C-alpha atoms as a PDB file:
ATOM      1  CA  MET A   1     158.505  89.932 114.598  1.00  0.00           C
ATOM      2  CA  THR A   2     159.903  91.712 117.636  1.00  0.00           C
ATOM      3  CA  THR A   3     158.410  89.076 119.935  1.00  0.00           C
ATOM      4  CA  VAL A   4     159.922  86.255 117.869  1.00  0.00           C
ATOM      5  CA  LEU A   5     163.351  87.873 117.838  1.00  0.00           C
ATOM      6  CA  LEU A   6     163.403  88.571 121.594  1.00  0.00           C
ATOM      7  CA  ASN A   7     162.271  85.038 122.301  1.00  0.00           C
ATOM      8  CA  LEU A   8     164.882  83.536 120.012  1.00  0.00           C
ATOM      9  CA  HIS A   9     167.265  85.204 122.475  1.00  0.00           C
ATOM     10  CA  ASN A  10     165.277  83.862 125.462  1.00  0.00           C
ATOM     11  CA  ALA A  11     165.411  80.371 123.931  1.00  0.00           C
ATOM     12  CA  GLY A  12     169.195  80.650 123.826  1.00  0.00           C
ATOM     13  CA  PHE A  13     169.861  81.108 120.103  1.00  0.00           C
ATOM     14  CA  PHE A  14     171.820  84.362 120.496  1.00  0.00           C
ATOM     15  CA  GLU A  15     172.702  87.070 122.993  1.00  0.00           C
ATOM     16  CA  LEU A  16     170.616  90.165 123.633  1.00  0.00           C
ATOM     17  CA  ASN A  17     171.918  92.657 121.083  1.00  0.00           C
ATOM     18  CA  ALA A  18     171.274  95.919 119.244  1.00  0.00           C
ATOM     19  CA  MET A  19     169.066  94.180 116.651  1.00  0.00           C
ATOM     20  CA  ILE A  20     166.528  93.224 119.315  1.00  0.00           C
ATOM     21  CA  LEU A  21     166.665  96.642 120.972  1.00  0.00           C
ATOM     22  CA  ALA A  22     166.277  98.439 117.623  1.00  0.00           C
ATOM     23  CA  MET A  23     163.269  96.264 116.756  1.00  0.00           C
ATOM     24  CA  GLY A  24     161.832  97.012 120.202  1.00  0.00           C
ATOM     25  CA  ILE A  25     162.130 100.754 119.651  1.00  0.00           C
ATOM     26  CA  CYS A  26     161.209 101.006 115.984  1.00  0.00           C
ATOM     27  CA  TYR A  27     158.835  98.166 115.145  1.00  0.00           C
ATOM     28  CA  GLY A  28     157.572  96.899 118.467  1.00  0.00           C
ATOM     29  CA  GLY A  29     157.377 100.435 119.835  1.00  0.00           C
ATOM     30  CA  ALA A  30     156.938 103.270 117.361  1.00  0.00           C
ATOM     31  CA  ALA A  31     155.188 101.324 114.595  1.00  0.00           C
ATOM     32  CA  GLN A  32     152.619  99.864 116.993  1.00  0.00           C
ATOM     33  CA  ILE A  33     151.884 103.253 118.512  1.00  0.00           C
ATOM     34  CA  ILE A  34     151.282 104.663 115.034  1.00  0.00           C
ATOM     35  CA  ALA A  35     149.049 101.678 114.201  1.00  0.00           C
ATOM     36  CA  GLY A  36     147.139 102.252 117.443  1.00  0.00           C
ATOM     37  CA  ILE A  37     146.518 105.898 116.595  1.00  0.00           C
ATOM     38  CA  MET A  38     145.267 104.845 113.169  1.00  0.00           C
ATOM     39  CA  GLU A  39     142.899 102.330 114.803  1.00  0.00           C
ATOM     40  CA  TRP A  40     141.719 104.958 117.291  1.00  0.00           C
ATOM     41  CA  LYS A  41     140.798 107.235 114.360  1.00  0.00           C
ATOM     42  CA  LYS A  42     138.704 104.321 112.995  1.00  0.00           C
ATOM     43  CA  ALA A  43     136.995 103.980 116.418  1.00  0.00           C
ATOM     44  CA  ASN A  44     138.438 100.468 116.899  1.00  0.00           C
ATOM     45  CA  THR A  45     138.890 100.631 120.668  1.00  0.00           C
ATOM     46  CA  PHE A  46     140.294  97.115 121.080  1.00  0.00           C
ATOM     47  CA  ALA A  47     142.977  97.482 118.395  1.00  0.00           C
ATOM     48  CA  ALA A  48     143.830 101.037 119.481  1.00  0.00           C
ATOM     49  CA  THR A  49     144.260  99.932 123.086  1.00  0.00           C
ATOM     50  CA  ALA A  50     146.301  96.885 122.115  1.00  0.00           C
ATOM     51  CA  PHE A  51     148.634  98.583 119.636  1.00  0.00           C
ATOM     52  CA  ILE A  52     149.268 101.694 121.741  1.00  0.00           C
ATOM     53  CA  SER A  53     149.730  99.709 124.955  1.00  0.00           C
ATOM     54  CA  TYR A  54     152.108  97.147 123.497  1.00  0.00           C
ATOM     55  CA  GLY A  55     153.955  99.852 121.582  1.00  0.00           C
ATOM     56  CA  PHE A  56     154.659 101.559 124.875  1.00  0.00           C
ATOM     57  CA  PHE A  57     155.450  98.173 126.454  1.00  0.00           C
ATOM     58  CA  TRP A  58     158.294  97.758 123.957  1.00  0.00           C
ATOM     59  CA  LEU A  59     159.572 101.308 124.502  1.00  0.00           C
ATOM     60  CA  SER A  60     159.475 100.868 128.279  1.00  0.00           C
ATOM     61  CA  PHE A  61     161.097  97.415 128.081  1.00  0.00           C
ATOM     62  CA  VAL A  62     163.998  98.701 125.976  1.00  0.00           C
ATOM     63  CA  THR A  63     164.323 101.678 128.325  1.00  0.00           C
ATOM     64  CA  LEU A  64     164.529  99.303 131.309  1.00  0.00           C
ATOM     65  CA  LEU A  65     167.418  97.532 129.590  1.00  0.00           C
ATOM     66  CA  VAL A  66     169.276 100.602 128.295  1.00  0.00           C
ATOM     67  CA  LEU A  67     169.114 103.066 131.229  1.00  0.00           C
ATOM     68  CA  PRO A  68     171.377 100.946 133.476  1.00  0.00           C
ATOM     69  CA  LYS A  69     173.855 100.457 130.611  1.00  0.00           C
ATOM     70  CA  LEU A  70     174.081 104.252 130.325  1.00  0.00           C
ATOM     71  CA  ASN A  71     174.696 104.441 134.101  1.00  0.00           C
ATOM     72  CA  LEU A  72     171.628 106.641 134.495  1.00  0.00           C
ATOM     73  CA  PHE A  73     169.718 104.339 136.859  1.00  0.00           C
ATOM     74  CA  LEU A  74     170.241 101.080 138.660  1.00  0.00           C
ATOM     75  CA  ALA A  75     168.930  98.011 136.865  1.00  0.00           C
ATOM     76  CA  ALA A  76     165.533  96.755 138.002  1.00  0.00           C
ATOM     77  CA  SER A  77     165.794  93.833 140.405  1.00  0.00           C
ATOM     78  CA  GLU A  78     164.401  90.457 139.419  1.00  0.00           C
ATOM     79  CA  THR A  79     161.503  91.061 141.811  1.00  0.00           C
ATOM     80  CA  ALA A  80     160.766  94.434 140.198  1.00  0.00           C
ATOM     81  CA  MET A  81     160.914  92.878 136.722  1.00  0.00           C
ATOM     82  CA  ALA A  82     158.574  90.119 137.891  1.00  0.00           C
ATOM     83  CA  ALA A  83     156.085  92.766 139.041  1.00  0.00           C
ATOM     84  CA  TYR A  84     156.439  94.644 135.724  1.00  0.00           C
ATOM     85  CA  LEU A  85     155.865  91.484 133.694  1.00  0.00           C
ATOM     86  CA  ALA A  86     153.005  90.305 135.939  1.00  0.00           C
ATOM     87  CA  MET A  87     151.198  93.635 135.452  1.00  0.00           C
ATOM     88  CA  TRP A  88     151.526  93.173 131.690  1.00  0.00           C
ATOM     89  CA  GLY A  89     150.217  89.639 132.150  1.00  0.00           C
ATOM     90  CA  LEU A  90     147.147  90.949 133.982  1.00  0.00           C
ATOM     91  CA  PHE A  91     146.519  93.591 131.321  1.00  0.00           C
ATOM     92  CA  THR A  92     146.957  91.015 128.570  1.00  0.00           C
ATOM     93  CA  GLY A  93     144.614  88.603 130.346  1.00  0.00           C
ATOM     94  CA  VAL A  94     141.868  91.234 130.285  1.00  0.00           C
ATOM     95  CA  MET A  95     142.592  91.929 126.606  1.00  0.00           C
ATOM     96  CA  PHE A  96     142.399  88.154 126.030  1.00  0.00           C
ATOM     97  CA  LEU A  97     138.838  88.206 127.403  1.00  0.00           C
ATOM     98  CA  GLY A  98     137.995  90.817 124.760  1.00  0.00           C
ATOM     99  CA  THR A  99     139.143  88.500 121.975  1.00  0.00           C
ATOM    100  CA  PHE A 100     136.194  86.200 122.636  1.00  0.00           C
ATOM    101  CA  ARG A 101     134.161  88.749 120.666  1.00  0.00           C
ATOM    102  CA  LEU A 102     136.677  88.804 117.802  1.00  0.00           C
ATOM    103  CA  ASN A 103     138.307  85.732 116.232  1.00  0.00           C
ATOM    104  CA  ARG A 104     140.120  82.521 117.144  1.00  0.00           C
ATOM    105  CA  ALA A 105     143.464  83.747 115.795  1.00  0.00           C
ATOM    106  CA  LEU A 106     143.451  86.744 118.168  1.00  0.00           C
ATOM    107  CA  GLN A 107     142.374  84.441 121.006  1.00  0.00           C
ATOM    108  CA  LEU A 108     145.477  82.331 120.379  1.00  0.00           C
ATOM    109  CA  VAL A 109     147.734  85.397 120.182  1.00  0.00           C
ATOM    110  CA  PHE A 110     146.445  86.994 123.377  1.00  0.00           C
ATOM    111  CA  GLY A 111     146.156  83.663 125.190  1.00  0.00           C
ATOM    112  CA  THR A 112     149.772  82.721 124.470  1.00  0.00           C
ATOM    113  CA  LEU A 113     150.908  86.279 125.236  1.00  0.00           C
ATOM    114  CA  THR A 114     149.185  86.141 128.636  1.00  0.00           C
ATOM    115  CA  ILE A 115     150.966  82.858 129.359  1.00  0.00           C
ATOM    116  CA  LEU A 116     154.266  84.336 128.149  1.00  0.00           C
ATOM    117  CA  PHE A 117     154.095  87.341 130.471  1.00  0.00           C
ATOM    118  CA  PHE A 118     153.301  85.147 133.487  1.00  0.00           C
ATOM    119  CA  LEU A 119     156.055  82.666 132.598  1.00  0.00           C
ATOM    120  CA  LEU A 120     158.541  85.534 132.298  1.00  0.00           C
ATOM    121  CA  ALA A 121     157.332  87.006 135.609  1.00  0.00           C
ATOM    122  CA  TYR A 122     157.624  83.643 137.336  1.00  0.00           C
ATOM    123  CA  GLY A 123     161.093  83.131 135.888  1.00  0.00           C
ATOM    124  CA  ASP A 124     162.294  86.442 137.298  1.00  0.00           C
ATOM    125  CA  TYR A 125     160.511  86.046 140.640  1.00  0.00           C
ATOM    126  CA  SER A 126     161.666  82.497 141.283  1.00  0.00           C
ATOM    127  CA  GLY A 127     165.147  82.827 139.825  1.00  0.00           C
ATOM    128  CA  ALA A 128     164.355  79.852 137.576  1.00  0.00           C
ATOM    129  CA  GLY A 129     167.327  78.574 135.638  1.00  0.00           C
ATOM    130  CA  ALA A 130     168.331  78.700 131.990  1.00  0.00           C
ATOM    131  CA  GLY A 131     166.182  75.676 131.107  1.00  0.00           C
ATOM    132  CA  PHE A 132     163.014  77.454 132.222  1.00  0.00           C
ATOM    133  CA  LYS A 133     164.049  80.620 130.382  1.00  0.00           C
ATOM    134  CA  HIS A 134     164.677  78.602 127.219  1.00  0.00           C
ATOM    135  CA  PHE A 135     161.261  76.920 127.559  1.00  0.00           C
ATOM    136  CA  THR A 136     159.671  80.345 127.990  1.00  0.00           C
ATOM    137  CA  GLY A 137     161.503  81.525 124.871  1.00  0.00           C
ATOM    138  CA  TYR A 138     159.976  78.736 122.810  1.00  0.00           C
ATOM    139  CA  GLU A 139     156.508  79.656 124.085  1.00  0.00           C
ATOM    140  CA  GLY A 140     157.257  83.260 123.065  1.00  0.00           C
ATOM    141  CA  ILE A 141     158.329  82.141 119.591  1.00  0.00           C
ATOM    142  CA  VAL A 142     154.960  80.388 119.204  1.00  0.00           C
ATOM    143  CA  CYS A 143     153.163  83.534 120.416  1.00  0.00           C
ATOM    144  CA  GLY A 144     155.064  85.746 117.983  1.00  0.00           C
ATOM    145  CA  ALA A 145     154.503  83.337 115.092  1.00  0.00           C
ATOM    146  CA  LEU A 146     150.766  83.345 115.823  1.00  0.00           C
ATOM    147  CA  ALA A 147     150.788  87.162 115.828  1.00  0.00           C
ATOM    148  CA  ILE A 148     152.621  87.234 112.483  1.00  0.00           C
ATOM    149  CA  TYR A 149     150.107  84.782 111.017  1.00  0.00           C
ATOM    150  CA  THR A 150     147.153  86.806 112.359  1.00  0.00           C
ATOM    151  CA  GLY A 151     148.508  90.086 111.008  1.00  0.00           C
ATOM    152  CA  MET A 152     149.263  88.594 107.602  1.00  0.00           C
ATOM    153  CA  ALA A 153     145.832  86.938 107.489  1.00  0.00           C
ATOM    154  CA  GLN A 154     144.129  90.263 108.177  1.00  0.00           C
ATOM    155  CA  VAL A 155     146.186  92.019 105.488  1.00  0.00           C
ATOM    156  CA  LEU A 156     145.803  89.339 102.817  1.00  0.00           C
ATOM    157  CA  ASN A 157     142.106  88.707 103.502  1.00  0.00           C
ATOM    158  CA  GLU A 158     141.344  92.419 103.209  1.00  0.00           C
ATOM    159  CA  LEU A 159     143.538  92.857 100.143  1.00  0.00           C
ATOM    160  CA  TYR A 160     141.953  89.945  98.245  1.00  0.00           C
ATOM    161  CA  GLY A 161     138.423  90.517  99.563  1.00  0.00           C
ATOM    162  CA  LYS A 162     138.133  86.867 100.600  1.00  0.00           C
ATOM    163  CA  THR A 163     139.598  84.424 103.092  1.00  0.00           C
ATOM    164  CA  ILE A 164     143.148  83.591 102.075  1.00  0.00           C
ATOM    165  CA  LEU A 165     144.282  82.682 105.604  1.00  0.00           C
ATOM    166  CA  PRO A 166     141.462  81.783 108.033  1.00  0.00           C
ATOM    167  CA  LEU A 167     141.094  83.689 111.279  1.00  0.00           C
ATOM    168  CA  GLY A 168     138.346  81.559 112.827  1.00  0.00           C
ATOM    169  CA  VAL A 169     135.555  84.121 112.923  1.00  0.00           C
ATOM    170  CA  VAL A 170     133.475  84.101 116.100  1.00  0.00           C
ATOM    171  CA  LYS A 171     129.715  84.254 115.587  1.00  0.00           C
ATOM    172  CA  LYS A 172     128.219  87.083 117.616  1.00  0.00           C
END
């Protein structure tokens, strides 16, 4: 949900506001870190790594936006933000490779997320205009919608003990 909301902003539907930052801290950040710890206790290395890493991504991203507003630090330059986003793109690309042992739904989520990070990095590095940023926002909305579907499929399939929403299981 946090990804969809941020990318609705990127697509030009509304300004960056407290709703997005609060979601970044509470749901994108804290909730994912808690989920990652729960997955770590279940020895699910992939999910633990993903949830904890992206939870801290959201906390660091909000911090990057808020610290300059509080006059505590200078804002990151576009080049610095491009490097930040590119590093997340590299990390996500490696996580994407791991999804080939999981299911098609996660492949779509991590594949579109990898693309999203590199599009965002390119946008900052190149100084691409509003049209490119809006395009990137739409790609991010697709990514977030896929993540919502995947999460709901996992919850509903487990709850009902059968496939309610298909995930596209990969044969190992």
